[in-house]
Protein backbone atom coordinates (compact mmCIF):
# COMPACT_ATOMS: atom_id res chain seq x y z
CA MET A 1 34.17 90.05 48.82
CA THR A 2 35.77 92.16 51.55
CA GLU A 3 37.78 94.94 50.29
CA LYS A 4 41.60 93.99 51.22
CA PRO A 5 43.19 96.64 53.22
CA THR A 6 46.87 97.59 52.87
CA CYS A 7 47.79 95.37 55.92
CA TYR A 8 46.31 93.29 58.54
CA ASP A 9 48.03 92.69 61.96
CA ALA A 10 47.63 89.12 61.67
CA ILE A 11 46.64 86.83 59.13
CA PHE A 12 45.09 83.35 60.32
CA VAL A 13 45.42 80.15 58.14
CA GLY A 14 43.89 76.85 58.62
CA ASN A 15 40.63 74.80 57.43
CA TYR A 16 37.61 75.32 59.02
CA THR A 17 36.45 72.08 60.78
CA LYS A 18 32.92 71.01 61.25
CA ASP A 19 32.97 69.69 64.73
CA THR A 20 31.15 67.09 66.75
CA ILE A 21 32.27 67.08 70.09
CA ILE A 22 31.22 64.18 72.65
CA THR A 23 31.62 64.77 76.35
CA PRO A 24 30.36 62.81 79.42
CA GLU A 25 27.43 65.77 79.44
CA GLY A 26 26.50 64.91 75.58
CA THR A 27 27.09 65.94 72.29
CA ARG A 28 27.49 69.40 70.69
CA TYR A 29 27.98 70.26 67.10
CA VAL A 30 30.59 73.31 66.53
CA ASP A 31 31.72 75.57 63.59
CA GLY A 32 35.55 75.04 64.66
CA GLY A 33 38.97 75.35 63.15
CA GLY A 34 42.29 76.62 64.83
CA MET A 35 42.24 79.70 62.57
CA ASN A 36 38.61 80.69 64.13
CA TYR A 37 39.36 80.43 67.44
CA ALA A 38 42.99 81.93 67.47
CA ALA A 39 41.56 84.99 64.93
CA HIS A 40 38.56 85.67 67.41
CA ALA A 41 40.90 85.99 70.36
CA ALA A 42 43.31 88.28 68.54
CA ALA A 43 40.34 90.41 67.25
CA ARG A 44 38.85 90.69 70.68
CA LEU A 45 42.17 91.97 71.88
CA GLY A 46 42.20 94.84 69.46
CA ARG A 47 43.94 93.33 66.36
CA LYS A 48 42.88 93.55 62.58
CA SER A 49 42.57 90.30 61.78
CA ALA A 50 41.50 88.12 58.66
CA ILE A 51 41.45 84.12 58.06
CA VAL A 52 42.54 82.18 54.98
CA THR A 53 40.64 78.80 54.94
CA ARG A 54 39.15 76.13 52.98
CA LEU A 55 35.64 74.87 53.26
CA SER A 56 32.80 73.38 51.29
CA ARG A 57 30.30 76.03 49.96
CA GLU A 58 27.64 74.59 51.74
CA ASP A 59 29.09 75.70 54.89
CA GLU A 60 29.42 79.51 53.51
CA HIS A 61 27.52 80.28 56.43
CA VAL A 62 30.68 80.11 58.49
CA VAL A 63 32.31 82.90 56.40
CA GLU A 64 29.43 85.40 56.94
CA ALA A 65 29.50 84.64 60.39
CA ILE A 66 33.30 85.33 60.66
CA ARG A 67 32.72 88.78 58.80
CA ALA A 68 29.86 89.67 60.81
CA ASP A 69 32.16 89.57 63.90
CA GLY A 70 34.59 92.07 62.11
CA ILE A 71 37.09 89.62 60.77
CA ASP A 72 37.95 89.50 56.83
CA CYS A 73 37.55 86.09 55.44
CA TYR A 74 39.26 84.51 52.21
CA PRO A 75 37.91 81.17 51.57
CA VAL A 76 39.18 78.77 49.00
CA TYR A 77 36.30 76.42 48.43
CA SER A 78 36.66 72.57 48.19
CA PRO A 79 34.28 69.65 47.55
CA SER A 80 34.10 68.98 51.26
CA SER A 81 34.77 70.62 54.54
CA THR A 82 36.90 69.04 57.30
CA LEU A 83 34.54 66.91 59.30
CA LEU A 84 36.40 66.34 62.78
CA THR A 85 34.83 64.46 65.88
CA LEU A 86 36.29 64.95 69.13
CA GLU A 87 35.44 62.42 71.85
CA TYR A 88 36.14 63.23 75.51
CA LYS A 89 35.55 59.87 77.37
CA THR A 90 36.16 61.35 80.77
CA HIS A 91 36.53 64.83 82.52
CA ASP A 92 40.39 64.62 82.04
CA VAL A 93 40.47 67.77 79.16
CA ASP A 94 43.87 66.43 77.78
CA LYS A 95 42.80 63.22 77.02
CA ARG A 96 40.55 62.94 73.90
CA SER A 97 40.15 60.69 70.81
CA LEU A 98 39.91 62.39 67.23
CA PHE A 99 38.31 61.15 64.12
CA VAL A 100 38.06 62.67 60.53
CA GLU A 101 35.43 61.73 57.87
CA SER A 102 36.58 64.13 55.02
CA THR A 103 39.08 66.95 54.84
CA ALA A 104 39.35 70.12 52.83
CA GLY A 105 42.54 69.80 51.67
CA THR A 106 45.84 71.79 51.30
CA ILE A 107 46.11 75.58 51.73
CA HIS A 108 49.10 76.78 49.53
CA PRO A 109 50.93 80.12 49.94
CA SER A 110 49.46 81.42 46.94
CA ALA A 111 46.24 81.70 48.95
CA LEU A 112 47.55 84.70 50.81
CA ASP A 113 48.45 86.55 47.44
CA GLY A 114 47.67 90.21 47.62
CA LEU A 115 47.44 90.25 51.51
CA GLN A 116 49.78 91.73 53.62
CA ALA A 117 50.10 91.30 57.37
CA SER A 118 52.66 91.87 60.34
CA ALA A 119 52.14 88.05 61.58
CA VAL A 120 50.84 84.90 59.67
CA VAL A 121 49.54 82.34 62.31
CA VAL A 122 49.04 78.88 60.80
CA SER A 123 46.59 76.51 62.83
CA PRO A 124 45.90 73.48 60.89
CA SER A 125 44.29 70.36 62.30
CA LEU A 126 46.22 67.64 60.36
CA ARG A 127 49.49 67.32 58.58
CA GLY A 128 48.88 68.13 55.21
CA GLU A 129 46.83 71.10 55.55
CA VAL A 130 49.77 73.27 55.34
CA GLU A 131 52.94 72.03 53.70
CA PRO A 132 56.52 72.74 54.89
CA GLU A 133 57.24 74.98 51.76
CA PHE A 134 54.63 77.42 52.85
CA PHE A 135 56.96 78.40 55.95
CA SER A 136 59.79 79.00 53.74
CA GLU A 137 57.88 81.06 51.26
CA MET A 138 56.43 83.21 54.23
CA ARG A 139 59.88 83.59 55.38
CA LYS A 140 60.76 85.54 52.14
CA ARG A 141 58.22 88.28 53.28
CA PRO A 142 60.26 90.83 54.91
CA GLY A 143 59.73 91.92 58.51
CA ILE A 144 56.62 89.20 59.32
CA LEU A 145 56.34 87.25 62.40
CA ILE A 146 55.55 83.66 61.72
CA SER A 147 53.71 81.30 64.15
CA ALA A 148 52.52 77.82 63.97
CA ASP A 149 50.57 75.19 66.00
CA LEU A 150 52.53 71.91 66.52
CA GLN A 151 49.01 70.11 66.45
CA GLY A 152 48.58 70.29 62.70
CA PHE A 153 52.05 68.54 61.83
CA VAL A 154 52.40 65.80 64.60
CA ARG A 155 48.76 64.55 64.03
CA ILE A 156 48.05 62.27 60.52
CA LEU A 157 45.04 60.46 59.59
CA ARG A 158 45.22 56.70 59.51
CA ASP A 159 41.97 54.68 59.14
CA GLY A 160 39.84 57.74 59.76
CA ALA A 161 41.37 58.30 63.37
CA VAL A 162 43.83 60.85 64.04
CA VAL A 163 46.86 59.82 65.52
CA TYR A 164 50.48 60.85 66.37
CA ASP A 165 53.29 60.49 64.25
CA THR A 166 57.02 61.44 63.79
CA TRP A 167 57.45 64.58 61.74
CA PRO A 168 60.80 64.44 59.82
CA GLU A 169 60.28 67.85 58.40
CA MET A 170 60.28 69.40 61.92
CA PRO A 171 63.77 70.91 61.86
CA ALA A 172 63.13 72.40 58.59
CA VAL A 173 60.15 74.10 59.44
CA LEU A 174 60.97 75.49 63.28
CA LYS A 175 63.82 77.16 61.83
CA ASN A 176 61.41 79.43 60.19
CA LEU A 177 59.12 80.27 62.93
CA ASP A 178 59.13 83.05 65.37
CA ILE A 179 56.71 81.44 67.72
CA LEU A 180 55.50 77.66 68.21
CA LYS A 181 52.53 76.52 69.83
CA THR A 182 52.22 72.99 71.30
CA ASP A 183 50.69 71.27 74.37
CA ALA A 184 52.38 69.09 76.75
CA VAL A 185 51.19 65.88 75.11
CA GLU A 186 52.44 66.71 71.48
CA ALA A 187 55.57 67.90 72.89
CA ALA A 188 56.23 65.06 74.95
CA TYR A 189 55.56 62.54 71.84
CA LEU A 190 58.03 64.56 69.58
CA THR A 191 60.61 65.14 72.07
CA GLY A 192 60.54 62.34 74.56
CA GLU A 193 60.39 64.90 77.47
CA THR A 194 57.65 64.66 80.01
CA ASP A 195 59.15 67.74 81.62
CA ILE A 196 57.67 70.61 80.04
CA GLU A 197 60.48 72.91 80.24
CA LYS A 198 62.93 70.36 78.89
CA ALA A 199 60.36 70.08 75.96
CA ALA A 200 60.26 73.80 75.36
CA ALA A 201 64.01 74.06 75.28
CA PHE A 202 64.34 71.08 72.90
CA PHE A 203 62.07 73.34 70.49
CA ALA A 204 63.85 76.52 71.09
CA ASP A 205 67.24 74.79 70.15
CA LEU A 206 65.91 73.98 66.92
CA GLY A 207 65.93 77.73 66.20
CA VAL A 208 62.24 78.64 67.48
CA ARG A 209 62.40 82.00 69.02
CA GLU A 210 59.44 81.80 71.47
CA VAL A 211 57.63 78.46 72.58
CA LEU A 212 54.42 78.77 73.85
CA LEU A 213 53.35 75.32 75.65
CA SER A 214 49.75 74.87 76.96
CA HIS A 215 48.92 72.14 79.63
CA SER A 216 46.04 71.00 81.69
CA ALA A 217 47.03 73.60 84.51
CA GLY A 218 48.11 76.47 82.66
CA ILE A 219 50.71 77.87 80.08
CA LEU A 220 54.76 78.12 79.93
CA VAL A 221 56.36 80.45 77.67
CA HIS A 222 59.99 80.04 77.01
CA ALA A 223 61.85 82.97 75.58
CA GLN A 224 64.87 84.81 75.65
CA GLY A 225 66.20 81.86 77.72
CA LYS A 226 63.77 81.90 80.51
CA PHE A 227 60.92 80.17 81.62
CA HIS A 228 57.42 81.67 82.41
CA HIS A 229 54.69 79.59 83.84
CA TYR A 230 50.79 81.00 84.17
CA LYS A 231 48.08 78.94 85.82
CA TYR A 232 44.53 79.07 84.48
CA HIS A 233 41.86 80.45 86.65
CA SER A 234 38.77 79.08 85.15
CA ARG A 235 35.60 78.51 86.80
CA SER A 236 34.64 75.50 84.35
CA MET A 237 35.84 73.79 81.48
CA ALA A 238 32.63 73.71 79.26
CA GLY A 239 34.49 75.34 76.40
CA ARG A 240 37.51 73.36 76.55
CA SER A 241 37.67 73.02 72.46
CA GLY A 242 39.73 75.61 70.85
CA ARG A 243 41.64 76.00 74.35
CA GLY A 244 45.26 75.81 72.49
CA ASP A 245 44.22 77.89 69.30
CA THR A 246 42.80 80.58 71.78
CA CYS A 247 46.04 80.60 73.74
CA MET A 248 48.09 81.07 70.50
CA GLY A 249 45.92 83.74 69.14
CA ALA A 250 45.93 85.87 72.36
CA TYR A 251 49.73 85.63 72.82
CA VAL A 252 50.36 86.84 69.11
CA ALA A 253 48.22 89.65 69.62
CA MET A 254 49.73 90.92 72.55
CA ARG A 255 53.35 90.31 71.36
CA PHE A 256 53.01 93.44 69.14
CA SER A 257 52.90 95.52 72.03
CA LEU A 258 54.09 93.59 74.96
CA PRO A 259 57.29 91.45 75.83
CA PRO A 260 56.81 87.58 76.11
CA VAL A 261 56.54 87.56 80.05
CA GLU A 262 53.66 90.09 79.70
CA ALA A 263 51.98 88.86 76.58
CA ALA A 264 51.63 85.29 78.36
CA LYS A 265 49.81 86.68 81.25
CA TRP A 266 47.00 87.94 78.71
CA SER A 267 47.14 84.79 76.93
CA ALA A 268 46.61 82.87 80.09
CA ALA A 269 43.67 85.24 81.01
CA VAL A 270 41.89 84.95 77.80
CA THR A 271 42.20 81.21 77.61
CA SER A 272 41.03 80.87 81.24
CA LEU A 273 37.98 82.96 80.46
CA LYS A 274 37.48 80.85 77.05
CA VAL A 275 37.55 77.51 78.38
CA GLU A 276 34.41 78.65 80.65
CA ARG A 277 32.32 78.85 77.57
CA PRO A 278 31.73 76.72 74.11
CA GLY A 279 32.68 78.64 70.97
CA VAL A 280 35.08 81.22 70.04
CA PHE A 281 36.35 83.91 72.88
CA ASP A 282 33.71 86.67 72.95
CA ARG A 283 34.37 88.56 75.88
CA PRO A 284 35.43 92.52 75.91
CA MET A 285 39.10 93.47 76.29
CA GLU A 286 38.20 95.46 79.46
CA GLU A 287 37.04 91.98 81.10
CA VAL A 288 40.41 90.51 80.21
CA ARG A 289 42.45 93.57 81.64
CA MET A 290 40.61 93.06 85.03
CA PHE A 291 41.41 89.53 85.07
CA VAL A 292 44.99 90.01 84.31
CA ALA A 293 44.93 92.52 87.06
CA GLU A 294 43.12 89.88 89.56
CA HIS A 295 45.24 87.08 88.87
CA TYR A 296 48.54 87.96 87.26
CA SER A 297 49.64 90.94 88.51
């Protein structure tokens, strides 16, 4: 196992997902998981990153691949990995159906024992991967930034299909978050607001310091009482899967050194570049810097 350093910039938490992605162009098989996309984005932006995940031992090649990319990985092995099918029947990237054949189980706070980080970023795929008490336990750690993706709490598994459901624990969890990541569809479902600014403000009123909201055209950041909008500038959508996770990983990575309005520019740039290619974000930081200068100056 990789030797544990004193402290990471960020630890990314979530189950590995073995993804089957069906689009009008055909079917692909991808090693996924929100924590995977987010951690690679942060690492490419120069942040020392680690992943805590659950998966089957038969998928141990994923752990080896993550480590080969310079990201430490601390797996908890389970009888099965999460087997996820994502079906896009049209070219509308915000409309998809999800199905789950098996899950890898729950990640408990104890999985992070002995690890230190300036930030913990939680990217589950389904409710139950991370329970509400995880966040109250993380909040006990002094000075840590806590971020979470709403998708892993609004989604539940019902008869093999992934559907949205109300989230009674939302106020209790959000009060422990510094950054909330959501997309427009999830936000509208939980808030009843189709206006993304009103939806972001709703979450902020529950105690979240910063809200990062992605949608088909770009991202919105609500921070310090202000709204900041940035459009994507992608030449294709071939790598749509993992868009929101990459968006969050990049944003958290840049928040260590930049205010929200500037970190959001980098997040939009990384996300724009990521969705052009399937798989995790793999472009050099200098390319992102040039993209920011060209499109978000």
